[in-house]
Amino acid sequence: MFRMSGTHQRPTVVIDIEKGFFEISGSSIPENPMEVFTPIFDHLNTYLDNPKETTELNFRLDYFNTSTSKLMLDMIHKLEVLTEKDGHDVNIRWFYRENDDDMMEIGEDFANLCRLPIEIIPYS
């Protein structure tokens, strides 16, 4: 289990390779995004060597910058291989606060930019 505590600039990250679970939440506006995302990609790459039948990736972000957006899309593209090559299930969920139309639309944009379905889920 990998956990990274969030700050006002860095997201909270929870990765449980044994369960095939990845979650990024909070805000992500780090000055050096690779410092934040390198351990995430290290765990993701390890996971891809021996994935579970079902993988869950949850995004529950209030705000993020452009560099975070690109890295999140890179994560999704890496997971596409699991369904295309290996026939595994990948469940991606995009949580956004009710009435935050901008975050809802960004989730829809992400869904249009990848080959995996993304479930867009409001919460209060």
Protein backbone atom coordinates (compact mmCIF):
# COMPACT_ATOMS: atom_id res chain seq x y z
CA MET A 1 0.00 0.00 0.00
CA PHE A 2 1.32 3.40 -0.99
CA ARG A 3 -0.08 6.60 0.53
CA MET A 4 0.97 10.16 -0.07
CA SER A 5 -0.65 12.82 2.11
CA GLY A 6 -2.00 15.82 0.30
CA THR A 7 -1.28 19.48 0.83
CA HIS A 8 -2.87 22.56 -0.72
CA GLN A 9 -0.58 22.00 -3.75
CA ARG A 10 -0.13 18.22 -3.79
CA PRO A 11 -2.90 15.62 -4.10
CA THR A 12 -3.60 12.80 -1.71
CA VAL A 13 -2.68 9.52 -3.39
CA VAL A 14 -3.69 6.02 -2.37
CA ILE A 15 -2.43 3.00 -4.30
CA ASP A 16 -3.19 -0.58 -3.33
CA ILE A 17 -1.53 -2.83 -5.90
CA GLU A 18 -2.88 -5.95 -4.19
CA LYS A 19 -6.44 -4.74 -4.82
CA GLY A 20 -5.84 -2.97 -8.13
CA PHE A 21 -6.90 0.36 -6.61
CA PHE A 22 -5.58 3.85 -7.44
CA GLU A 23 -7.02 7.15 -6.19
CA ILE A 24 -5.92 10.75 -6.59
CA SER A 25 -7.84 13.37 -4.64
CA GLY A 26 -7.68 16.97 -3.43
CA SER A 27 -5.77 19.64 -5.35
CA SER A 28 -2.82 19.15 -7.65
CA ILE A 29 -0.87 22.28 -8.52
CA PRO A 30 2.69 21.24 -7.66
CA GLU A 31 5.64 23.32 -8.79
CA ASN A 32 7.39 20.11 -9.82
CA PRO A 33 4.70 17.68 -10.99
CA MET A 34 7.19 14.90 -11.73
CA GLU A 35 8.19 14.88 -8.06
CA VAL A 36 4.58 14.01 -7.24
CA PHE A 37 3.83 11.70 -10.17
CA THR A 38 7.08 9.72 -10.42
CA PRO A 39 6.18 7.47 -7.46
CA ILE A 40 2.66 7.07 -8.88
CA PHE A 41 4.03 5.95 -12.24
CA ASP A 42 6.58 3.68 -10.53
CA HIS A 43 3.75 1.88 -8.73
CA LEU A 44 1.60 1.85 -11.86
CA ASN A 45 4.39 0.32 -13.94
CA THR A 46 4.98 -2.34 -11.27
CA TYR A 47 1.26 -3.05 -11.22
CA LEU A 48 1.08 -3.40 -15.00
CA ASP A 49 3.57 -6.28 -14.81
CA ASN A 50 1.05 -8.31 -12.79
CA PRO A 51 -2.39 -6.64 -12.91
CA LYS A 52 -5.59 -7.81 -11.27
CA GLU A 53 -8.59 -8.82 -13.39
CA THR A 54 -10.23 -5.52 -12.43
CA THR A 55 -8.46 -2.21 -11.90
CA GLU A 56 -10.08 0.82 -10.30
CA LEU A 57 -8.83 4.37 -10.87
CA ASN A 58 -10.62 7.20 -9.07
CA PHE A 59 -10.07 10.90 -9.60
CA ARG A 60 -11.59 13.09 -6.89
CA LEU A 61 -9.92 16.42 -7.52
CA ASP A 62 -11.14 19.89 -6.65
CA TYR A 63 -8.54 21.62 -8.79
CA PHE A 64 -5.49 20.74 -10.89
CA ASN A 65 -3.14 22.41 -13.30
CA THR A 66 -2.31 21.64 -16.93
CA SER A 67 0.79 19.56 -16.16
CA THR A 68 -1.27 17.40 -13.78
CA SER A 69 -3.90 17.01 -16.47
CA LYS A 70 -1.35 15.61 -18.91
CA LEU A 71 0.05 13.17 -16.36
CA MET A 72 -3.44 11.97 -15.43
CA LEU A 73 -4.18 11.33 -19.10
CA ASP A 74 -0.88 9.45 -19.38
CA MET A 75 -2.02 7.21 -16.50
CA ILE A 76 -5.27 6.44 -18.30
CA HIS A 77 -3.46 5.65 -21.54
CA LYS A 78 -1.18 3.21 -19.70
CA LEU A 79 -4.26 1.42 -18.34
CA GLU A 80 -5.81 1.14 -21.81
CA VAL A 81 -3.33 -1.64 -22.55
CA LEU A 82 -4.97 -3.80 -19.88
CA THR A 83 -8.27 -3.93 -21.73
CA GLU A 84 -6.96 -3.91 -25.28
CA LYS A 85 -4.18 -6.45 -24.87
CA ASP A 86 -5.15 -8.52 -21.84
CA GLY A 87 -8.96 -8.23 -21.71
CA HIS A 88 -8.97 -6.96 -18.12
CA ASP A 89 -11.60 -4.61 -16.73
CA VAL A 90 -10.62 -1.03 -15.91
CA ASN A 91 -13.11 1.12 -14.01
CA ILE A 92 -12.34 4.83 -14.06
CA ARG A 93 -14.46 7.14 -11.97
CA TRP A 94 -14.36 10.93 -12.14
CA PHE A 95 -15.90 12.43 -9.01
CA TYR A 96 -16.84 16.10 -8.98
CA ARG A 97 -18.68 18.30 -6.49
CA GLU A 98 -22.32 18.90 -7.32
CA ASN A 99 -22.73 22.24 -9.09
CA ASP A 100 -19.07 22.28 -10.20
CA ASP A 101 -19.87 22.30 -13.90
CA ASP A 102 -16.25 23.01 -14.84
CA MET A 103 -14.96 19.83 -13.19
CA MET A 104 -17.84 17.84 -14.66
CA GLU A 105 -16.98 19.11 -18.14
CA ILE A 106 -13.29 18.36 -17.64
CA GLY A 107 -14.24 14.79 -16.74
CA GLU A 108 -16.28 14.58 -19.94
CA ASP A 109 -13.30 15.95 -21.89
CA PHE A 110 -11.09 13.24 -20.40
CA ALA A 111 -13.66 10.62 -21.41
CA ASN A 112 -13.48 11.90 -24.99
CA LEU A 113 -9.66 11.75 -25.01
CA CYS A 114 -9.27 8.09 -24.08
CA ARG A 115 -10.54 4.70 -25.17
CA LEU A 116 -11.71 3.64 -21.71
CA PRO A 117 -15.13 4.61 -20.37
CA ILE A 118 -15.07 7.10 -17.52
CA GLU A 119 -17.99 7.23 -15.12
CA ILE A 120 -18.76 10.85 -14.16
CA ILE A 121 -20.14 10.95 -10.60
CA PRO A 122 -21.37 14.00 -8.64
CA TYR A 123 -21.00 14.13 -4.87
CA SER A 124 -22.02 16.63 -2.21
